[in-house]
Amino acid sequence: MKEKRKMISGKLYNPTAENLPNERLTAKKLCHKYNNLPPDDILKRTKIITKLLRKTGKNLWIEPSFWCDYGYNIEIGENFYSNHNLVILDPAKVKFGDNVFIGPNCGFYTAEHPIDAETRNQMLEFAKPITVGNNVWFGGGVNVLGGVNIGDNVVIGAGSVVTKDIPSNVVAVGNPCKVLRKI
């Protein structure tokens, strides 16, 4: 099985094999261009981000700096806003619903590494998808790990580390992130 197919299907894969390093380099170059444009060059920003990401809805705004691994595994719905310093490690799919707002310094990390040192030292890793529902707000400094599903109408408090699924209609906070109360 090819490494890219393994990567997307959640199996152990080698991120240094085949064309994966070139695909990451292409994404990094586009991110670099995006991050270094003048703030008022909205047309170029829009062209770069729509070229980089798999799917984008209307009213997309990502403040620089923005970094991702591949871009082609990221889907964004309508009315998306991210403040500065968004990082999405996307060897697996990362899908955002409509009306998602992200505070500064947030990260969404699908890439994972084996706990076993011998396997990890062979440069193998795996990835688990992240899905975010509609009407979700992430406070500043939130990190979301692979394999997590976040429901609709959710607020994730600043500084949270989301390691497990979060149901719809709740405020959740902490490390690890837990439901604080229903909305």
N, C-alpha and C. Protein backbone atom coordinates (compact mmCIF):
# COMPACT_ATOMS: atom_id res chain seq x y z
N MET A 1 0.85 -1.18 0.00
CA MET A 1 0.00 0.00 0.00
C MET A 1 0.90 1.25 0.00
N LYS A 2 0.57 2.22 -0.81
CA LYS A 2 1.33 3.46 -0.90
C LYS A 2 1.23 4.24 0.40
N GLU A 3 2.28 5.01 0.70
CA GLU A 3 2.35 5.74 1.97
C GLU A 3 1.23 6.77 2.10
N LYS A 4 0.89 7.48 1.04
CA LYS A 4 -0.18 8.47 1.12
C LYS A 4 -1.51 7.81 1.43
N ARG A 5 -1.78 6.67 0.82
CA ARG A 5 -3.02 5.94 1.09
C ARG A 5 -3.05 5.49 2.55
N LYS A 6 -1.91 5.00 3.05
CA LYS A 6 -1.82 4.61 4.46
C LYS A 6 -2.10 5.82 5.36
N MET A 7 -1.49 6.95 5.02
CA MET A 7 -1.66 8.17 5.81
C MET A 7 -3.13 8.55 5.92
N ILE A 8 -3.79 8.62 4.80
CA ILE A 8 -5.19 9.06 4.78
C ILE A 8 -6.11 8.05 5.44
N SER A 9 -5.75 6.77 5.42
CA SER A 9 -6.61 5.74 6.01
C SER A 9 -6.31 5.48 7.49
N GLY A 10 -5.37 6.24 8.08
CA GLY A 10 -5.11 6.11 9.51
C GLY A 10 -4.15 5.01 9.90
N LYS A 11 -3.46 4.43 8.92
CA LYS A 11 -2.49 3.37 9.21
C LYS A 11 -1.10 3.98 9.43
N LEU A 12 -0.20 3.20 10.02
CA LEU A 12 1.18 3.66 10.16
C LEU A 12 1.75 3.94 8.77
N TYR A 13 2.44 5.06 8.64
CA TYR A 13 3.05 5.41 7.36
C TYR A 13 4.36 6.15 7.63
N ASN A 14 5.17 6.27 6.60
CA ASN A 14 6.43 6.97 6.69
C ASN A 14 6.27 8.34 6.01
N PRO A 15 6.28 9.44 6.78
CA PRO A 15 6.08 10.76 6.19
C PRO A 15 7.25 11.25 5.35
N THR A 16 8.37 10.51 5.37
CA THR A 16 9.52 10.91 4.55
C THR A 16 9.58 10.14 3.23
N ALA A 17 8.61 9.27 2.98
CA ALA A 17 8.64 8.42 1.79
C ALA A 17 7.84 9.04 0.64
N GLU A 18 8.13 8.52 -0.54
CA GLU A 18 7.42 8.86 -1.78
C GLU A 18 7.36 10.37 -1.97
N ASN A 19 6.21 10.90 -2.31
CA ASN A 19 6.09 12.32 -2.64
C ASN A 19 5.60 13.16 -1.45
N LEU A 20 5.41 12.56 -0.29
CA LEU A 20 4.87 13.30 0.85
C LEU A 20 5.73 14.52 1.24
N PRO A 21 7.06 14.41 1.29
CA PRO A 21 7.84 15.62 1.60
C PRO A 21 7.62 16.75 0.60
N ASN A 22 7.50 16.43 -0.68
CA ASN A 22 7.25 17.46 -1.70
C ASN A 22 5.87 18.08 -1.54
N GLU A 23 4.88 17.26 -1.17
CA GLU A 23 3.53 17.80 -0.96
C GLU A 23 3.52 18.75 0.24
N ARG A 24 4.24 18.41 1.30
CA ARG A 24 4.34 19.31 2.46
C ARG A 24 5.07 20.59 2.08
N LEU A 25 6.12 20.47 1.29
CA LEU A 25 6.87 21.64 0.86
C LEU A 25 5.99 22.58 0.03
N THR A 26 5.19 22.03 -0.85
CA THR A 26 4.26 22.85 -1.63
C THR A 26 3.32 23.62 -0.72
N ALA A 27 2.77 22.95 0.27
CA ALA A 27 1.86 23.61 1.22
C ALA A 27 2.59 24.68 2.02
N LYS A 28 3.80 24.39 2.47
CA LYS A 28 4.58 25.37 3.25
C LYS A 28 4.89 26.61 2.42
N LYS A 29 5.19 26.43 1.13
CA LYS A 29 5.46 27.57 0.27
C LYS A 29 4.21 28.46 0.13
N LEU A 30 3.05 27.82 -0.03
CA LEU A 30 1.81 28.60 -0.13
C LEU A 30 1.51 29.31 1.19
N CYS A 31 1.72 28.63 2.32
CA CYS A 31 1.53 29.26 3.63
C CYS A 31 2.47 30.45 3.78
N HIS A 32 3.72 30.29 3.37
CA HIS A 32 4.70 31.37 3.47
C HIS A 32 4.25 32.58 2.66
N LYS A 33 3.81 32.34 1.42
CA LYS A 33 3.30 33.44 0.59
C LYS A 33 2.12 34.13 1.26
N TYR A 34 1.20 33.34 1.75
CA TYR A 34 0.00 33.86 2.42
C TYR A 34 0.39 34.72 3.62
N ASN A 35 1.28 34.20 4.44
CA ASN A 35 1.66 34.89 5.67
C ASN A 35 2.46 36.16 5.43
N ASN A 36 3.05 36.32 4.26
CA ASN A 36 3.90 37.47 3.99
C ASN A 36 3.28 38.50 3.07
N LEU A 37 2.01 38.35 2.77
CA LEU A 37 1.31 39.36 1.97
C LEU A 37 0.98 40.58 2.83
N PRO A 38 0.88 41.75 2.20
CA PRO A 38 0.40 42.93 2.95
C PRO A 38 -1.02 42.66 3.46
N PRO A 39 -1.36 43.18 4.63
CA PRO A 39 -2.67 42.90 5.22
C PRO A 39 -3.85 43.32 4.35
N ASP A 40 -3.66 44.29 3.46
CA ASP A 40 -4.77 44.75 2.63
C ASP A 40 -4.87 44.05 1.28
N ASP A 41 -4.01 43.07 1.01
CA ASP A 41 -4.05 42.35 -0.26
C ASP A 41 -5.00 41.15 -0.15
N ILE A 42 -6.25 41.45 0.00
CA ILE A 42 -7.28 40.44 0.26
C ILE A 42 -7.47 39.51 -0.93
N LEU A 43 -7.39 40.02 -2.13
CA LEU A 43 -7.57 39.19 -3.33
C LEU A 43 -6.52 38.09 -3.41
N LYS A 44 -5.25 38.44 -3.20
CA LYS A 44 -4.19 37.43 -3.24
C LYS A 44 -4.32 36.43 -2.09
N ARG A 45 -4.69 36.94 -0.91
CA ARG A 45 -4.89 36.03 0.24
C ARG A 45 -5.96 35.00 -0.09
N THR A 46 -7.06 35.47 -0.65
CA THR A 46 -8.16 34.57 -0.98
C THR A 46 -7.74 33.55 -2.02
N LYS A 47 -7.02 33.97 -3.05
CA LYS A 47 -6.56 33.04 -4.09
C LYS A 47 -5.66 31.96 -3.51
N ILE A 48 -4.73 32.34 -2.65
CA ILE A 48 -3.79 31.37 -2.08
C ILE A 48 -4.52 30.37 -1.19
N ILE A 49 -5.38 30.86 -0.31
CA ILE A 49 -6.02 29.96 0.65
C ILE A 49 -6.99 29.01 -0.04
N THR A 50 -7.67 29.47 -1.08
CA THR A 50 -8.58 28.58 -1.80
C THR A 50 -7.81 27.57 -2.65
N LYS A 51 -6.62 27.91 -3.08
CA LYS A 51 -5.76 26.95 -3.79
C LYS A 51 -5.20 25.91 -2.83
N LEU A 52 -4.86 26.34 -1.63
CA LEU A 52 -4.22 25.48 -0.65
C LEU A 52 -5.18 24.47 -0.03
N LEU A 53 -6.38 24.91 0.34
CA LEU A 53 -7.31 24.05 1.07
C LEU A 53 -8.23 23.27 0.14
N ARG A 54 -8.66 22.10 0.62
CA ARG A 54 -9.53 21.23 -0.18
C ARG A 54 -10.88 21.89 -0.48
N LYS A 55 -11.48 22.50 0.55
CA LYS A 55 -12.80 23.10 0.39
C LYS A 55 -12.89 24.31 1.30
N THR A 56 -13.45 25.40 0.75
CA THR A 56 -13.69 26.59 1.55
C THR A 56 -15.08 27.12 1.26
N GLY A 57 -15.73 27.58 2.30
CA GLY A 57 -17.04 28.21 2.14
C GLY A 57 -16.88 29.71 1.93
N LYS A 58 -18.01 30.40 1.88
CA LYS A 58 -18.00 31.85 1.76
C LYS A 58 -17.65 32.46 3.12
N ASN A 59 -17.14 33.68 3.05
CA ASN A 59 -16.78 34.43 4.26
C ASN A 59 -15.71 33.71 5.08
N LEU A 60 -14.62 33.40 4.43
CA LEU A 60 -13.47 32.76 5.06
C LEU A 60 -12.43 33.83 5.37
N TRP A 61 -11.97 33.87 6.62
CA TRP A 61 -10.92 34.80 6.99
C TRP A 61 -9.98 34.13 7.98
N ILE A 62 -8.72 34.00 7.59
CA ILE A 62 -7.69 33.44 8.45
C ILE A 62 -6.60 34.49 8.59
N GLU A 63 -6.43 35.01 9.79
CA GLU A 63 -5.37 35.98 10.04
C GLU A 63 -4.02 35.27 9.96
N PRO A 64 -3.03 35.91 9.35
CA PRO A 64 -1.70 35.31 9.38
C PRO A 64 -1.17 35.30 10.82
N SER A 65 -0.36 34.44 11.23
CA SER A 65 0.20 33.40 10.42
C SER A 65 -0.67 32.14 10.47
N PHE A 66 -0.63 31.42 9.36
CA PHE A 66 -1.36 30.16 9.21
C PHE A 66 -0.39 29.14 8.64
N TRP A 67 -0.38 27.95 9.25
CA TRP A 67 0.47 26.87 8.76
C TRP A 67 -0.31 25.56 8.73
N CYS A 68 -0.05 24.76 7.71
CA CYS A 68 -0.62 23.42 7.62
C CYS A 68 0.40 22.50 6.97
N ASP A 69 0.14 21.20 7.04
CA ASP A 69 1.05 20.23 6.44
C ASP A 69 0.80 20.01 4.95
N TYR A 70 -0.45 19.80 4.59
CA TYR A 70 -0.79 19.45 3.20
C TYR A 70 -1.86 20.38 2.61
N GLY A 71 -2.83 20.75 3.40
CA GLY A 71 -3.91 21.60 2.91
C GLY A 71 -5.03 20.83 2.27
N TYR A 72 -4.72 19.81 1.50
CA TYR A 72 -5.76 19.07 0.77
C TYR A 72 -6.63 18.20 1.67
N ASN A 73 -6.31 18.12 2.94
CA ASN A 73 -7.16 17.39 3.88
C ASN A 73 -7.98 18.31 4.77
N ILE A 74 -8.05 19.60 4.43
CA ILE A 74 -8.77 20.58 5.25
C ILE A 74 -10.01 21.06 4.50
N GLU A 75 -11.17 20.96 5.16
CA GLU A 75 -12.44 21.44 4.63
C GLU A 75 -13.03 22.45 5.60
N ILE A 76 -13.41 23.62 5.06
CA ILE A 76 -13.93 24.70 5.88
C ILE A 76 -15.29 25.11 5.36
N GLY A 77 -16.26 25.24 6.28
CA GLY A 77 -17.62 25.63 5.92
C GLY A 77 -17.77 27.14 5.76
N GLU A 78 -19.01 27.59 5.77
CA GLU A 78 -19.34 29.01 5.62
C GLU A 78 -19.01 29.78 6.90
N ASN A 79 -18.67 31.07 6.74
CA ASN A 79 -18.46 31.97 7.88
C ASN A 79 -17.43 31.45 8.86
N PHE A 80 -16.20 31.35 8.40
CA PHE A 80 -15.09 30.84 9.21
C PHE A 80 -14.14 31.99 9.50
N TYR A 81 -13.77 32.13 10.77
CA TYR A 81 -12.78 33.14 11.15
C TYR A 81 -11.76 32.51 12.09
N SER A 82 -10.50 32.76 11.80
CA SER A 82 -9.42 32.37 12.71
C SER A 82 -8.54 33.56 12.98
N ASN A 83 -8.25 33.78 14.24
CA ASN A 83 -7.31 34.81 14.63
C ASN A 83 -5.89 34.34 14.33
N HIS A 84 -4.89 35.08 14.73
CA HIS A 84 -3.49 34.81 14.39
C HIS A 84 -2.99 33.47 14.92
N ASN A 85 -2.03 32.90 14.17
CA ASN A 85 -1.25 31.73 14.59
C ASN A 85 -2.07 30.44 14.65
N LEU A 86 -2.79 30.17 13.60
CA LEU A 86 -3.51 28.90 13.47
C LEU A 86 -2.58 27.87 12.84
N VAL A 87 -2.51 26.68 13.46
CA VAL A 87 -1.73 25.56 12.92
C VAL A 87 -2.66 24.37 12.77
N ILE A 88 -2.69 23.80 11.56
CA ILE A 88 -3.48 22.58 11.32
C ILE A 88 -2.54 21.55 10.71
N LEU A 89 -2.22 20.52 11.49
CA LEU A 89 -1.43 19.41 10.98
C LEU A 89 -2.42 18.41 10.41
N ASP A 90 -2.44 18.27 9.10
CA ASP A 90 -3.54 17.59 8.41
C ASP A 90 -3.14 16.37 7.58
N PRO A 91 -2.36 15.43 8.12
CA PRO A 91 -2.22 14.19 7.36
C PRO A 91 -3.53 13.40 7.32
N ALA A 92 -4.45 13.68 8.23
CA ALA A 92 -5.82 13.15 8.17
C ALA A 92 -6.76 14.34 7.96
N LYS A 93 -7.99 14.04 7.62
CA LYS A 93 -8.98 15.08 7.33
C LYS A 93 -9.28 15.92 8.57
N VAL A 94 -9.38 17.24 8.35
CA VAL A 94 -9.85 18.19 9.36
C VAL A 94 -11.01 18.93 8.73
N LYS A 95 -12.18 18.75 9.30
CA LYS A 95 -13.40 19.34 8.73
C LYS A 95 -14.05 20.27 9.73
N PHE A 96 -14.28 21.52 9.29
CA PHE A 96 -14.95 22.53 10.10
C PHE A 96 -16.32 22.80 9.49
N GLY A 97 -17.35 22.87 10.33
CA GLY A 97 -18.69 23.20 9.87
C GLY A 97 -18.82 24.70 9.61
N ASP A 98 -20.06 25.17 9.60
CA ASP A 98 -20.36 26.58 9.37
C ASP A 98 -20.27 27.36 10.68
N ASN A 99 -19.94 28.65 10.55
CA ASN A 99 -19.93 29.57 11.70
C ASN A 99 -18.97 29.11 12.79
N VAL A 100 -17.74 28.83 12.39
CA VAL A 100 -16.69 28.43 13.33
C VAL A 100 -15.75 29.62 13.53
N PHE A 101 -15.48 29.92 14.79
CA PHE A 101 -14.61 31.04 15.15
C PHE A 101 -13.50 30.52 16.05
N ILE A 102 -12.26 30.87 15.71
CA ILE A 102 -11.09 30.33 16.39
C ILE A 102 -10.24 31.48 16.91
N GLY A 103 -9.94 31.46 18.21
CA GLY A 103 -9.10 32.47 18.82
C GLY A 103 -7.64 32.31 18.40
N PRO A 104 -6.78 33.21 18.88
CA PRO A 104 -5.37 33.15 18.49
C PRO A 104 -4.65 31.95 19.10
N ASN A 105 -3.58 31.55 18.42
CA ASN A 105 -2.67 30.51 18.93
C ASN A 105 -3.35 29.16 19.15
N CYS A 106 -4.16 28.74 18.20
CA CYS A 106 -4.85 27.45 18.30
C CYS A 106 -4.23 26.44 17.33
N GLY A 107 -4.35 25.17 17.69
CA GLY A 107 -3.81 24.11 16.86
C GLY A 107 -4.73 22.92 16.77
N PHE A 108 -4.78 22.32 15.60
CA PHE A 108 -5.57 21.12 15.32
C PHE A 108 -4.59 20.10 14.77
N TYR A 109 -4.35 19.02 15.51
CA TYR A 109 -3.26 18.11 15.22
C TYR A 109 -3.75 16.70 14.98
N THR A 110 -3.82 16.29 13.72
CA THR A 110 -4.24 14.92 13.42
C THR A 110 -3.08 13.94 13.48
N ALA A 111 -1.85 14.43 13.34
CA ALA A 111 -0.67 13.56 13.34
C ALA A 111 -0.41 13.01 14.74
N GLU A 112 -0.13 11.73 14.80
CA GLU A 112 0.19 11.08 16.07
C GLU A 112 1.39 10.17 15.87
N HIS A 113 2.03 9.85 16.97
CA HIS A 113 3.24 9.02 16.92
C HIS A 113 3.07 7.82 17.83
N PRO A 114 3.64 6.69 17.43
CA PRO A 114 3.53 5.48 18.24
C PRO A 114 4.15 5.68 19.63
N ILE A 115 3.55 5.08 20.63
CA ILE A 115 4.10 5.13 21.99
C ILE A 115 5.37 4.29 22.07
N ASP A 116 5.39 3.19 21.33
CA ASP A 116 6.55 2.31 21.31
C ASP A 116 7.73 3.00 20.63
N ALA A 117 8.84 3.19 21.37
CA ALA A 117 9.99 3.92 20.84
C ALA A 117 10.61 3.25 19.62
N GLU A 118 10.64 1.94 19.59
CA GLU A 118 11.25 1.24 18.46
C GLU A 118 10.50 1.53 17.16
N THR A 119 9.17 1.50 17.23
CA THR A 119 8.35 1.82 16.05
C THR A 119 8.47 3.30 15.69
N ARG A 120 8.41 4.15 16.70
CA ARG A 120 8.50 5.60 16.48
C ARG A 120 9.85 5.96 15.84
N ASN A 121 10.92 5.32 16.26
CA ASN A 121 12.25 5.61 15.74
C ASN A 121 12.46 5.15 14.31
N GLN A 122 11.51 4.40 13.77
CA GLN A 122 11.55 4.01 12.36
C GLN A 122 10.93 5.09 11.47
N MET A 123 10.66 6.27 12.06
CA MET A 123 10.06 7.41 11.34
C MET A 123 8.63 7.11 10.89
N LEU A 124 7.93 6.31 11.69
CA LEU A 124 6.54 5.99 11.37
C LEU A 124 5.61 6.82 12.23
N GLU A 125 4.49 7.19 11.66
CA GLU A 125 3.44 7.89 12.39
C GLU A 125 2.10 7.48 11.82
N PHE A 126 1.03 7.96 12.43
CA PHE A 126 -0.32 7.72 11.93
C PHE A 126 -1.13 8.97 12.19
N ALA A 127 -2.32 9.03 11.63
CA ALA A 127 -3.15 10.23 11.77
C ALA A 127 -4.60 9.85 11.97
N LYS A 128 -5.29 10.65 12.78
CA LYS A 128 -6.72 10.47 13.04
C LYS A 128 -7.44 11.77 12.71
N PRO A 129 -8.60 11.70 12.06
CA PRO A 129 -9.31 12.90 11.64
C PRO A 129 -9.89 13.71 12.81
N ILE A 130 -10.17 14.97 12.52
CA ILE A 130 -10.84 15.88 13.45
C ILE A 130 -12.06 16.43 12.73
N THR A 131 -13.21 16.43 13.42
CA THR A 131 -14.43 17.01 12.86
C THR A 131 -15.00 18.01 13.85
N VAL A 132 -15.29 19.21 13.35
CA VAL A 132 -15.87 20.28 14.16
C VAL A 132 -17.22 20.63 13.55
N GLY A 133 -18.26 20.67 14.39
CA GLY A 133 -19.61 20.96 13.92
C GLY A 133 -19.83 22.43 13.59
N ASN A 134 -21.10 22.82 13.57
CA ASN A 134 -21.51 24.19 13.26
C ASN A 134 -21.60 25.02 14.54
N ASN A 135 -21.37 26.32 14.40
CA ASN A 135 -21.55 27.27 15.51
C ASN A 135 -20.64 26.94 16.68
N VAL A 136 -19.35 26.77 16.39
CA VAL A 136 -18.38 26.42 17.42
C VAL A 136 -17.39 27.57 17.58
N TRP A 137 -17.10 27.90 18.84
CA TRP A 137 -16.15 28.96 19.16
C TRP A 137 -15.04 28.37 20.01
N PHE A 138 -13.79 28.58 19.57
CA PHE A 138 -12.61 28.14 20.31
C PHE A 138 -11.93 29.37 20.88
N GLY A 139 -11.74 29.40 22.21
CA GLY A 139 -10.98 30.48 22.82
C GLY A 139 -9.52 30.38 22.44
N GLY A 140 -8.75 31.37 22.81
CA GLY A 140 -7.33 31.40 22.48
C GLY A 140 -6.56 30.25 23.11
N GLY A 141 -5.55 29.78 22.40
CA GLY A 141 -4.64 28.78 22.93
C GLY A 141 -5.22 27.38 23.05
N VAL A 142 -6.25 27.05 22.30
CA VAL A 142 -6.85 25.72 22.35
C VAL A 142 -6.08 24.78 21.42
N ASN A 143 -5.89 23.54 21.86
CA ASN A 143 -5.31 22.49 21.04
C ASN A 143 -6.29 21.33 20.96
N VAL A 144 -6.53 20.86 19.73
CA VAL A 144 -7.44 19.75 19.49
C VAL A 144 -6.63 18.61 18.88
N LEU A 145 -6.72 17.43 19.50
CA LEU A 145 -5.93 16.29 19.05
C LEU A 145 -6.72 15.41 18.08
N GLY A 146 -6.02 14.55 17.36
CA GLY A 146 -6.61 13.67 16.36
C GLY A 146 -7.64 12.72 16.95
N GLY A 147 -8.62 12.37 16.14
CA GLY A 147 -9.66 11.44 16.54
C GLY A 147 -10.81 12.09 17.26
N VAL A 148 -10.80 13.43 17.39
CA VAL A 148 -11.81 14.14 18.15
C VAL A 148 -12.93 14.63 17.24
N ASN A 149 -14.18 14.49 17.73
CA ASN A 149 -15.36 15.07 17.10
C ASN A 149 -15.95 16.07 18.08
N ILE A 150 -16.21 17.28 17.59
CA ILE A 150 -16.82 18.32 18.41
C ILE A 150 -18.18 18.62 17.79
N GLY A 151 -19.22 18.58 18.61
CA GLY A 151 -20.59 18.76 18.13
C GLY A 151 -20.91 20.19 17.73
N ASP A 152 -22.20 20.45 17.52
CA ASP A 152 -22.69 21.78 17.16
C ASP A 152 -22.92 22.62 18.41
N ASN A 153 -22.86 23.94 18.22
CA ASN A 153 -23.20 24.89 19.29
C ASN A 153 -22.34 24.67 20.53
N VAL A 154 -21.03 24.67 20.33
CA VAL A 154 -20.08 24.39 21.40
C VAL A 154 -19.16 25.59 21.59
N VAL A 155 -18.81 25.85 22.85
CA VAL A 155 -17.77 26.81 23.20
C VAL A 155 -16.67 26.04 23.91
N ILE A 156 -15.45 26.14 23.38
CA ILE A 156 -14.28 25.52 24.01
C ILE A 156 -13.48 26.65 24.65
N GLY A 157 -13.32 26.59 25.97
CA GLY A 157 -12.65 27.65 26.72
C GLY A 157 -11.17 27.76 26.39
N ALA A 158 -10.66 28.98 26.56
CA ALA A 158 -9.26 29.29 26.27
C ALA A 158 -8.32 28.35 27.02
N GLY A 159 -7.26 27.95 26.34
CA GLY A 159 -6.24 27.11 26.94
C GLY A 159 -6.58 25.64 27.04
N SER A 160 -7.72 25.23 26.54
CA SER A 160 -8.14 23.83 26.65
C SER A 160 -7.33 22.93 25.72
N VAL A 161 -7.19 21.66 26.14
CA VAL A 161 -6.59 20.63 25.31
C VAL A 161 -7.66 19.56 25.12
N VAL A 162 -8.19 19.47 23.90
CA VAL A 162 -9.32 18.59 23.60
C VAL A 162 -8.77 17.24 23.14
N THR A 163 -8.94 16.23 23.99
CA THR A 163 -8.41 14.90 23.72
C THR A 163 -9.50 13.87 23.44
N LYS A 164 -10.76 14.24 23.74
CA LYS A 164 -11.88 13.32 23.55
C LYS A 164 -13.05 14.09 22.95
N ASP A 165 -14.02 13.36 22.40
CA ASP A 165 -15.19 13.97 21.77
C ASP A 165 -15.91 14.91 22.74
N ILE A 166 -16.48 15.99 22.18
CA ILE A 166 -17.28 16.94 22.94
C ILE A 166 -18.67 16.96 22.30
N PRO A 167 -19.74 16.72 23.09
CA PRO A 167 -21.09 16.68 22.51
C PRO A 167 -21.58 18.08 22.15
N SER A 168 -22.70 18.14 21.47
CA SER A 168 -23.31 19.41 21.08
C SER A 168 -23.87 20.15 22.29
N ASN A 169 -24.00 21.46 22.12
CA ASN A 169 -24.70 22.34 23.06
C ASN A 169 -24.07 22.39 24.44
N VAL A 170 -22.73 22.55 24.48
CA VAL A 170 -22.06 22.62 25.77
C VAL A 170 -20.94 23.65 25.75
N VAL A 171 -20.55 24.06 26.97
CA VAL A 171 -19.31 24.78 27.19
C VAL A 171 -18.35 23.76 27.79
N ALA A 172 -17.15 23.66 27.22
CA ALA A 172 -16.17 22.69 27.69
C ALA A 172 -14.83 23.41 27.89
N VAL A 173 -14.13 23.04 28.96
CA VAL A 173 -12.87 23.71 29.29
C VAL A 173 -11.89 22.73 29.92
N GLY A 174 -10.63 23.11 29.94
CA GLY A 174 -9.64 22.41 30.74
C GLY A 174 -8.66 21.56 29.97
N ASN A 175 -7.74 20.97 30.75
CA ASN A 175 -6.73 20.06 30.23
C ASN A 175 -6.67 18.84 31.14
N PRO A 176 -7.29 17.74 30.69
CA PRO A 176 -8.00 17.58 29.41
C PRO A 176 -9.35 18.28 29.44
N CYS A 177 -9.82 18.66 28.27
CA CYS A 177 -11.07 19.40 28.14
C CYS A 177 -12.25 18.53 28.54
N LYS A 178 -13.12 19.10 29.39
CA LYS A 178 -14.32 18.38 29.85
C LYS A 178 -15.50 19.33 29.81
N VAL A 179 -16.69 18.76 29.70
CA VAL A 179 -17.92 19.55 29.68
C VAL A 179 -18.08 20.26 31.02
N LEU A 180 -18.25 21.57 30.97
CA LEU A 180 -18.48 22.37 32.16
C LEU A 180 -19.97 22.50 32.42
N ARG A 181 -20.73 22.80 31.34
CA ARG A 181 -22.18 22.94 31.48
C ARG A 181 -22.84 22.90 30.12
N LYS A 182 -24.15 22.67 30.12
CA LYS A 182 -24.94 22.71 28.89
C LYS A 182 -25.24 24.17 28.55
N ILE A 183 -25.46 24.40 27.26
CA ILE A 183 -25.87 25.73 26.81
C ILE A 183 -27.38 25.71 26.64
